[in-house]
Amino acid sequence: MSQAITYSEARQNLAETMDRVCDTHAPVIITRRKSRPVVMLSLDDYSSLAETAYLLQSPANAERLRAALRAADEGQTRRHNLDEA
């Protein structure tokens, strides 16, 4: 679950908050009085989410990924060395 902190807390502890977000991969919600909140994510986590969203845009690709995950969950996978490709 995401931690929520105020804008003032984020400003006072910005470097520590950024380090915690990057180290724990847990987003932090930053709230502001009478304004919309934002979410702080590490760049790595944001990039991963953006790539996943992109890959799932295509219904055919999304189904292939789901089928691969089902196969992996059911133990229907084979191990390959990268030099065999």
PDB file of N, CA and C in Angstrom:
ATOM      1  N   MET A   1       0.840  -1.177   0.000  1.00  0.00           N
ATOM      2  CA  MET A   1       0.000   0.000   0.000  1.00  0.00           C
ATOM      3  C   MET A   1       0.885   1.239   0.000  1.00  0.00           C
ATOM      4  N   SER A   2       0.466   2.234  -0.705  1.00  0.00           N
ATOM      5  CA  SER A   2       1.244   3.460  -0.838  1.00  0.00           C
ATOM      6  C   SER A   2       1.170   4.300   0.429  1.00  0.00           C
ATOM      7  N   GLN A   3       2.289   4.919   0.733  1.00  0.00           N
ATOM      8  CA  GLN A   3       2.336   5.867   1.843  1.00  0.00           C
ATOM      9  C   GLN A   3       1.898   7.227   1.323  1.00  0.00           C
ATOM     10  N   ALA A   4       1.198   7.992   2.132  1.00  0.00           N
ATOM     11  CA  ALA A   4       0.796   9.344   1.757  1.00  0.00           C
ATOM     12  C   ALA A   4       1.481  10.335   2.689  1.00  0.00           C
ATOM     13  N   ILE A   5       2.054  11.380   2.098  1.00  0.00           N
ATOM     14  CA  ILE A   5       2.675  12.444   2.876  1.00  0.00           C
ATOM     15  C   ILE A   5       2.210  13.779   2.310  1.00  0.00           C
ATOM     16  N   THR A   6       2.351  14.814   3.099  1.00  0.00           N
ATOM     17  CA  THR A   6       1.949  16.137   2.631  1.00  0.00           C
ATOM     18  C   THR A   6       3.049  16.739   1.760  1.00  0.00           C
ATOM     19  N   TYR A   7       2.656  17.754   1.010  1.00  0.00           N
ATOM     20  CA  TYR A   7       3.612  18.497   0.188  1.00  0.00           C
ATOM     21  C   TYR A   7       4.739  19.042   1.054  1.00  0.00           C
ATOM     22  N   SER A   8       4.396  19.579   2.218  1.00  0.00           N
ATOM     23  CA  SER A   8       5.416  20.139   3.118  1.00  0.00           C
ATOM     24  C   SER A   8       6.395  19.071   3.581  1.00  0.00           C
ATOM     25  N   GLU A   9       5.880  17.886   3.937  1.00  0.00           N
ATOM     26  CA  GLU A   9       6.758  16.785   4.347  1.00  0.00           C
ATOM     27  C   GLU A   9       7.664  16.366   3.194  1.00  0.00           C
ATOM     28  N   ALA A  10       7.103  16.295   2.003  1.00  0.00           N
ATOM     29  CA  ALA A  10       7.903  15.905   0.832  1.00  0.00           C
ATOM     30  C   ALA A  10       9.001  16.924   0.572  1.00  0.00           C
ATOM     31  N   ARG A  11       8.667  18.191   0.670  1.00  0.00           N
ATOM     32  CA  ARG A  11       9.644  19.247   0.426  1.00  0.00           C
ATOM     33  C   ARG A  11      10.762  19.212   1.469  1.00  0.00           C
ATOM     34  N   GLN A  12      10.405  19.004   2.732  1.00  0.00           N
ATOM     35  CA  GLN A  12      11.397  18.984   3.803  1.00  0.00           C
ATOM     36  C   GLN A  12      12.306  17.766   3.736  1.00  0.00           C
ATOM     37  N   ASN A  13      11.813  16.671   3.190  1.00  0.00           N
ATOM     38  CA  ASN A  13      12.571  15.411   3.159  1.00  0.00           C
ATOM     39  C   ASN A  13      12.672  14.868   1.743  1.00  0.00           C
ATOM     40  N   LEU A  14      12.863  15.739   0.775  1.00  0.00           N
ATOM     41  CA  LEU A  14      12.786  15.323  -0.624  1.00  0.00           C
ATOM     42  C   LEU A  14      13.796  14.236  -0.969  1.00  0.00           C
ATOM     43  N   ALA A  15      15.065  14.436  -0.641  1.00  0.00           N
ATOM     44  CA  ALA A  15      16.089  13.447  -0.998  1.00  0.00           C
ATOM     45  C   ALA A  15      15.810  12.102  -0.337  1.00  0.00           C
ATOM     46  N   GLU A  16      15.436  12.126   0.931  1.00  0.00           N
ATOM     47  CA  GLU A  16      15.139  10.877   1.646  1.00  0.00           C
ATOM     48  C   GLU A  16      13.918  10.180   1.047  1.00  0.00           C
ATOM     49  N   THR A  17      12.900  10.961   0.708  1.00  0.00           N
ATOM     50  CA  THR A  17      11.697  10.381   0.109  1.00  0.00           C
ATOM     51  C   THR A  17      12.020   9.764  -1.247  1.00  0.00           C
ATOM     52  N   MET A  18      12.808  10.469  -2.047  1.00  0.00           N
ATOM     53  CA  MET A  18      13.193   9.938  -3.358  1.00  0.00           C
ATOM     54  C   MET A  18      13.995   8.651  -3.206  1.00  0.00           C
ATOM     55  N   ASP A  19      14.932   8.627  -2.264  1.00  0.00           N
ATOM     56  CA  ASP A  19      15.725   7.412  -2.033  1.00  0.00           C
ATOM     57  C   ASP A  19      14.833   6.254  -1.606  1.00  0.00           C
ATOM     58  N   ARG A  20      13.879   6.517  -0.705  1.00  0.00           N
ATOM     59  CA  ARG A  20      12.989   5.457  -0.227  1.00  0.00           C
ATOM     60  C   ARG A  20      12.140   4.901  -1.372  1.00  0.00           C
ATOM     61  N   VAL A  21      11.626   5.791  -2.213  1.00  0.00           N
ATOM     62  CA  VAL A  21      10.816   5.361  -3.357  1.00  0.00           C
ATOM     63  C   VAL A  21      11.642   4.479  -4.292  1.00  0.00           C
ATOM     64  N   CYS A  22      12.878   4.868  -4.535  1.00  0.00           N
ATOM     65  CA  CYS A  22      13.740   4.085  -5.427  1.00  0.00           C
ATOM     66  C   CYS A  22      14.155   2.761  -4.792  1.00  0.00           C
ATOM     67  N   ASP A  23      14.466   2.784  -3.499  1.00  0.00           N
ATOM     68  CA  ASP A  23      14.952   1.576  -2.824  1.00  0.00           C
ATOM     69  C   ASP A  23      13.856   0.547  -2.581  1.00  0.00           C
ATOM     70  N   THR A  24      12.658   1.013  -2.247  1.00  0.00           N
ATOM     71  CA  THR A  24      11.577   0.084  -1.887  1.00  0.00           C
ATOM     72  C   THR A  24      10.632  -0.219  -3.040  1.00  0.00           C
ATOM     73  N   HIS A  25      10.725   0.546  -4.113  1.00  0.00           N
ATOM     74  CA  HIS A  25       9.799   0.408  -5.251  1.00  0.00           C
ATOM     75  C   HIS A  25       8.351   0.615  -4.823  1.00  0.00           C
ATOM     76  N   ALA A  26       8.150   1.357  -3.727  1.00  0.00           N
ATOM     77  CA  ALA A  26       6.805   1.677  -3.248  1.00  0.00           C
ATOM     78  C   ALA A  26       6.523   3.145  -3.551  1.00  0.00           C
ATOM     79  N   PRO A  27       5.484   3.431  -4.313  1.00  0.00           N
ATOM     80  CA  PRO A  27       5.173   4.825  -4.620  1.00  0.00           C
ATOM     81  C   PRO A  27       4.737   5.587  -3.374  1.00  0.00           C
ATOM     82  N   VAL A  28       4.901   6.891  -3.416  1.00  0.00           N
ATOM     83  CA  VAL A  28       4.464   7.770  -2.333  1.00  0.00           C
ATOM     84  C   VAL A  28       3.456   8.758  -2.914  1.00  0.00           C
ATOM     85  N   ILE A  29       2.329   8.894  -2.248  1.00  0.00           N
ATOM     86  CA  ILE A  29       1.318   9.870  -2.640  1.00  0.00           C
ATOM     87  C   ILE A  29       1.639  11.175  -1.919  1.00  0.00           C
ATOM     88  N   ILE A  30       1.711  12.254  -2.680  1.00  0.00           N
ATOM     89  CA  ILE A  30       1.982  13.566  -2.099  1.00  0.00           C
ATOM     90  C   ILE A  30       0.703  14.387  -2.208  1.00  0.00           C
ATOM     91  N   THR A  31       0.170  14.758  -1.047  1.00  0.00           N
ATOM     92  CA  THR A  31      -1.086  15.499  -1.002  1.00  0.00           C
ATOM     93  C   THR A  31      -0.812  16.991  -0.825  1.00  0.00           C
ATOM     94  N   ARG A  32      -1.744  17.790  -1.368  1.00  0.00           N
ATOM     95  CA  ARG A  32      -1.650  19.249  -1.226  1.00  0.00           C
ATOM     96  C   ARG A  32      -3.006  19.770  -0.789  1.00  0.00           C
ATOM     97  N   ARG A  33      -2.992  20.718   0.102  1.00  0.00           N
ATOM     98  CA  ARG A  33      -4.235  21.307   0.584  1.00  0.00           C
ATOM     99  C   ARG A  33      -4.956  21.990  -0.575  1.00  0.00           C
ATOM    100  N   LYS A  34      -6.209  21.640  -0.770  1.00  0.00           N
ATOM    101  CA  LYS A  34      -7.067  22.247  -1.797  1.00  0.00           C
ATOM    102  C   LYS A  34      -6.525  22.072  -3.216  1.00  0.00           C
ATOM    103  N   SER A  35      -5.780  21.010  -3.446  1.00  0.00           N
ATOM    104  CA  SER A  35      -5.261  20.747  -4.787  1.00  0.00           C
ATOM    105  C   SER A  35      -5.165  19.240  -4.987  1.00  0.00           C
ATOM    106  N   ARG A  36      -4.951  18.847  -6.210  1.00  0.00           N
ATOM    107  CA  ARG A  36      -4.917  17.419  -6.526  1.00  0.00           C
ATOM    108  C   ARG A  36      -3.609  16.781  -6.067  1.00  0.00           C
ATOM    109  N   PRO A  37      -3.672  15.553  -5.559  1.00  0.00           N
ATOM    110  CA  PRO A  37      -2.455  14.851  -5.148  1.00  0.00           C
ATOM    111  C   PRO A  37      -1.699  14.306  -6.358  1.00  0.00           C
ATOM    112  N   VAL A  38      -0.446  13.969  -6.135  1.00  0.00           N
ATOM    113  CA  VAL A  38       0.384  13.341  -7.159  1.00  0.00           C
ATOM    114  C   VAL A  38       1.024  12.091  -6.562  1.00  0.00           C
ATOM    115  N   VAL A  39       1.583  11.267  -7.436  1.00  0.00           N
ATOM    116  CA  VAL A  39       2.278  10.061  -7.009  1.00  0.00           C
ATOM    117  C   VAL A  39       3.734  10.173  -7.415  1.00  0.00           C
ATOM    118  N   MET A  40       4.634   9.879  -6.487  1.00  0.00           N
ATOM    119  CA  MET A  40       6.064   9.841  -6.791  1.00  0.00           C
ATOM    120  C   MET A  40       6.456   8.382  -7.011  1.00  0.00           C
ATOM    121  N   LEU A  41       7.030   8.118  -8.191  1.00  0.00           N
ATOM    122  CA  LEU A  41       7.516   6.786  -8.569  1.00  0.00           C
ATOM    123  C   LEU A  41       8.972   6.897  -8.974  1.00  0.00           C
ATOM    124  N   SER A  42       9.720   5.812  -8.803  1.00  0.00           N
ATOM    125  CA  SER A  42      11.072   5.812  -9.354  1.00  0.00           C
ATOM    126  C   SER A  42      10.976   5.764 -10.877  1.00  0.00           C
ATOM    127  N   LEU A  43      11.998   6.255 -11.550  1.00  0.00           N
ATOM    128  CA  LEU A  43      11.999   6.223 -13.012  1.00  0.00           C
ATOM    129  C   LEU A  43      11.956   4.788 -13.517  1.00  0.00           C
ATOM    130  N   ASP A  44      12.669   3.880 -12.858  1.00  0.00           N
ATOM    131  CA  ASP A  44      12.642   2.472 -13.271  1.00  0.00           C
ATOM    132  C   ASP A  44      11.231   1.896 -13.186  1.00  0.00           C
ATOM    133  N   ASP A  45      10.534   2.185 -12.088  1.00  0.00           N
ATOM    134  CA  ASP A  45       9.176   1.664 -11.934  1.00  0.00           C
ATOM    135  C   ASP A  45       8.220   2.293 -12.938  1.00  0.00           C
ATOM    136  N   TYR A  46       8.363   3.592 -13.178  1.00  0.00           N
ATOM    137  CA  TYR A  46       7.526   4.260 -14.178  1.00  0.00           C
ATOM    138  C   TYR A  46       7.770   3.656 -15.562  1.00  0.00           C
ATOM    139  N   SER A  47       9.036   3.457 -15.913  1.00  0.00           N
ATOM    140  CA  SER A  47       9.367   2.884 -17.224  1.00  0.00           C
ATOM    141  C   SER A  47       8.775   1.491 -17.376  1.00  0.00           C
ATOM    142  N   SER A  48       8.835   0.705 -16.319  1.00  0.00           N
ATOM    143  CA  SER A  48       8.269  -0.640 -16.348  1.00  0.00           C
ATOM    144  C   SER A  48       6.757  -0.599 -16.551  1.00  0.00           C
ATOM    145  N   LEU A  49       6.077   0.291 -15.835  1.00  0.00           N
ATOM    146  CA  LEU A  49       4.628   0.435 -16.007  1.00  0.00           C
ATOM    147  C   LEU A  49       4.268   0.903 -17.411  1.00  0.00           C
ATOM    148  N   ALA A  50       5.034   1.865 -17.929  1.00  0.00           N
ATOM    149  CA  ALA A  50       4.762   2.384 -19.270  1.00  0.00           C
ATOM    150  C   ALA A  50       4.971   1.296 -20.321  1.00  0.00           C
ATOM    151  N   GLU A  51       6.017   0.494 -20.169  1.00  0.00           N
ATOM    152  CA  GLU A  51       6.273  -0.583 -21.128  1.00  0.00           C
ATOM    153  C   GLU A  51       5.170  -1.637 -21.065  1.00  0.00           C
ATOM    154  N   THR A  52       4.746  -1.991 -19.860  1.00  0.00           N
ATOM    155  CA  THR A  52       3.663  -2.965 -19.709  1.00  0.00           C
ATOM    156  C   THR A  52       2.384  -2.455 -20.359  1.00  0.00           C
ATOM    157  N   ALA A  53       2.052  -1.194 -20.118  1.00  0.00           N
ATOM    158  CA  ALA A  53       0.853  -0.610 -20.732  1.00  0.00           C
ATOM    159  C   ALA A  53       0.961  -0.636 -22.251  1.00  0.00           C
ATOM    160  N   TYR A  54       2.140  -0.326 -22.775  1.00  0.00           N
ATOM    161  CA  TYR A  54       2.344  -0.341 -24.224  1.00  0.00           C
ATOM    162  C   TYR A  54       2.154  -1.755 -24.778  1.00  0.00           C
ATOM    163  N   LEU A  55       2.750  -2.743 -24.121  1.00  0.00           N
ATOM    164  CA  LEU A  55       2.654  -4.119 -24.606  1.00  0.00           C
ATOM    165  C   LEU A  55       1.227  -4.650 -24.542  1.00  0.00           C
ATOM    166  N   LEU A  56       0.451  -4.180 -23.581  1.00  0.00           N
ATOM    167  CA  LEU A  56      -0.918  -4.664 -23.430  1.00  0.00           C
ATOM    168  C   LEU A  56      -1.923  -3.912 -24.292  1.00  0.00           C
ATOM    169  N   GLN A  57      -1.483  -2.886 -25.025  1.00  0.00           N
ATOM    170  CA  GLN A  57      -2.392  -2.143 -25.906  1.00  0.00           C
ATOM    171  C   GLN A  57      -2.938  -3.017 -27.022  1.00  0.00           C
ATOM    172  N   SER A  58      -2.118  -3.900 -27.536  1.00  0.00           N
ATOM    173  CA  SER A  58      -2.544  -4.788 -28.612  1.00  0.00           C
ATOM    174  C   SER A  58      -3.256  -5.991 -27.999  1.00  0.00           C
ATOM    175  N   PRO A  59      -4.528  -6.219 -28.340  1.00  0.00           N
ATOM    176  CA  PRO A  59      -5.243  -7.371 -27.785  1.00  0.00           C
ATOM    177  C   PRO A  59      -4.546  -8.699 -28.089  1.00  0.00           C
ATOM    178  N   ALA A  60      -3.999  -8.838 -29.287  1.00  0.00           N
ATOM    179  CA  ALA A  60      -3.315 -10.084 -29.647  1.00  0.00           C
ATOM    180  C   ALA A  60      -2.067 -10.275 -28.792  1.00  0.00           C
ATOM    181  N   ASN A  61      -1.298  -9.212 -28.614  1.00  0.00           N
ATOM    182  CA  ASN A  61      -0.092  -9.307 -27.799  1.00  0.00           C
ATOM    183  C   ASN A  61      -0.452  -9.563 -26.336  1.00  0.00           C
ATOM    184  N   ALA A  62      -1.498  -8.917 -25.852  1.00  0.00           N
ATOM    185  CA  ALA A  62      -1.935  -9.127 -24.470  1.00  0.00           C
ATOM    186  C   ALA A  62      -2.315 -10.585 -24.245  1.00  0.00           C
ATOM    187  N   GLU A  63      -3.012 -11.190 -25.206  1.00  0.00           N
ATOM    188  CA  GLU A  63      -3.402 -12.594 -25.059  1.00  0.00           C
ATOM    189  C   GLU A  63      -2.180 -13.505 -25.092  1.00  0.00           C
ATOM    190  N   ARG A  64      -1.205 -13.214 -25.961  1.00  0.00           N
ATOM    191  CA  ARG A  64       0.022 -14.020 -25.991  1.00  0.00           C
ATOM    192  C   ARG A  64       0.750 -13.942 -24.652  1.00  0.00           C
ATOM    193  N   LEU A  65       0.818 -12.751 -24.071  1.00  0.00           N
ATOM    194  CA  LEU A  65       1.476 -12.597 -22.774  1.00  0.00           C
ATOM    195  C   LEU A  65       0.721 -13.350 -21.680  1.00  0.00           C
ATOM    196  N   ARG A  66      -0.604 -13.265 -21.689  1.00  0.00           N
ATOM    197  CA  ARG A  66      -1.400 -13.998 -20.692  1.00  0.00           C
ATOM    198  C   ARG A  66      -1.214 -15.508 -20.845  1.00  0.00           C
ATOM    199  N   ALA A  67      -1.177 -15.987 -22.083  1.00  0.00           N
ATOM    200  CA  ALA A  67      -0.973 -17.419 -22.331  1.00  0.00           C
ATOM    201  C   ALA A  67       0.400 -17.854 -21.836  1.00  0.00           C
ATOM    202  N   ALA A  68       1.403 -17.025 -22.048  1.00  0.00           N
ATOM    203  CA  ALA A  68       2.752 -17.349 -21.575  1.00  0.00           C
ATOM    204  C   ALA A  68       2.794 -17.392 -20.050  1.00  0.00           C
ATOM    205  N   LEU A  69       2.103 -16.467 -19.401  1.00  0.00           N
ATOM    206  CA  LEU A  69       2.061 -16.472 -17.936  1.00  0.00           C
ATOM    207  C   LEU A  69       1.330 -17.704 -17.410  1.00  0.00           C
ATOM    208  N   ARG A  70       0.226 -18.082 -18.074  1.00  0.00           N
ATOM    209  CA  ARG A  70      -0.489 -19.294 -17.662  1.00  0.00           C
ATOM    210  C   ARG A  70       0.407 -20.511 -17.807  1.00  0.00           C
ATOM    211  N   ALA A  71       1.121 -20.600 -18.927  1.00  0.00           N
ATOM    212  CA  ALA A  71       2.018 -21.737 -19.158  1.00  0.00           C
ATOM    213  C   ALA A  71       3.104 -21.782 -18.090  1.00  0.00           C
ATOM    214  N   ALA A  72       3.650 -20.643 -17.740  1.00  0.00           N
ATOM    215  CA  ALA A  72       4.688 -20.599 -16.706  1.00  0.00           C
ATOM    216  C   ALA A  72       4.118 -21.025 -15.356  1.00  0.00           C
ATOM    217  N   ASP A  73       2.912 -20.559 -15.035  1.00  0.00           N
ATOM    218  CA  ASP A  73       2.271 -20.942 -13.772  1.00  0.00           C
ATOM    219  C   ASP A  73       2.016 -22.441 -13.704  1.00  0.00           C
ATOM    220  N   GLU A  74       1.757 -23.054 -14.851  1.00  0.00           N
ATOM    221  CA  GLU A  74       1.460 -24.487 -14.908  1.00  0.00           C
ATOM    222  C   GLU A  74       2.716 -25.330 -15.104  1.00  0.00           C
ATOM    223  N   GLY A  75       3.881 -24.696 -15.097  1.00  0.00           N
ATOM    224  CA  GLY A  75       5.137 -25.427 -15.242  1.00  0.00           C
ATOM    225  C   GLY A  75       5.425 -25.889 -16.656  1.00  0.00           C
ATOM    226  N   GLN A  76       4.792 -25.297 -17.637  1.00  0.00           N
ATOM    227  CA  GLN A  76       4.974 -25.691 -19.034  1.00  0.00           C
ATOM    228  C   GLN A  76       6.020 -24.802 -19.709  1.00  0.00           C
ATOM    229  N   THR A  77       7.176 -24.738 -19.123  1.00  0.00           N
ATOM    230  CA  THR A  77       8.246 -23.915 -19.689  1.00  0.00           C
ATOM    231  C   THR A  77       9.495 -24.759 -19.870  1.00  0.00           C
ATOM    232  N   ARG A  78      10.354 -24.293 -20.735  1.00  0.00           N
ATOM    233  CA  ARG A  78      11.645 -24.945 -20.944  1.00  0.00           C
ATOM    234  C   ARG A  78      12.737 -23.917 -20.732  1.00  0.00           C
ATOM    235  N   ARG A  79      13.837 -24.349 -20.157  1.00  0.00           N
ATOM    236  CA  ARG A  79      14.970 -23.471 -19.905  1.00  0.00           C
ATOM    237  C   ARG A  79      15.899 -23.512 -21.117  1.00  0.00           C
ATOM    238  N   HIS A  80      16.343 -22.331 -21.559  1.00  0.00           N
ATOM    239  CA  HIS A  80      17.266 -22.210 -22.681  1.00  0.00           C
ATOM    240  C   HIS A  80      18.441 -21.340 -22.262  1.00  0.00           C
ATOM    241  N   ASN A  81      19.597 -21.640 -22.804  1.00  0.00           N
ATOM    242  CA  ASN A  81      20.744 -20.752 -22.633  1.00  0.00           C
ATOM    243  C   ASN A  81      20.673 -19.685 -23.712  1.00  0.00           C
ATOM    244  N   LEU A  82      21.128 -18.498 -23.402  1.00  0.00           N
ATOM    245  CA  LEU A  82      21.086 -17.421 -24.383  1.00  0.00           C
ATOM    246  C   LEU A  82      21.948 -17.717 -25.599  1.00  0.00           C
ATOM    247  N   ASP A  83      23.015 -18.474 -25.428  1.00  0.00           N
ATOM    248  CA  ASP A  83      23.878 -18.771 -26.571  1.00  0.00           C
ATOM    249  C   ASP A  83      23.269 -19.816 -27.503  1.00  0.00           C
ATOM    250  N   GLU A  84      22.144 -20.418 -27.139  1.00  0.00           N
ATOM    251  CA  GLU A  84      21.466 -21.387 -27.998  1.00  0.00           C
ATOM    252  C   GLU A  84      20.517 -20.716 -28.980  1.00  0.00           C
ATOM    253  N   ALA A  85      20.236 -19.455 -28.782  1.00  0.00           N
ATOM    254  CA  ALA A  85      19.247 -18.762 -29.613  1.00  0.00           C
ATOM    255  C   ALA A  85      19.753 -18.496 -31.000  1.00  0.00           C
TER     256      ALA A  85
END
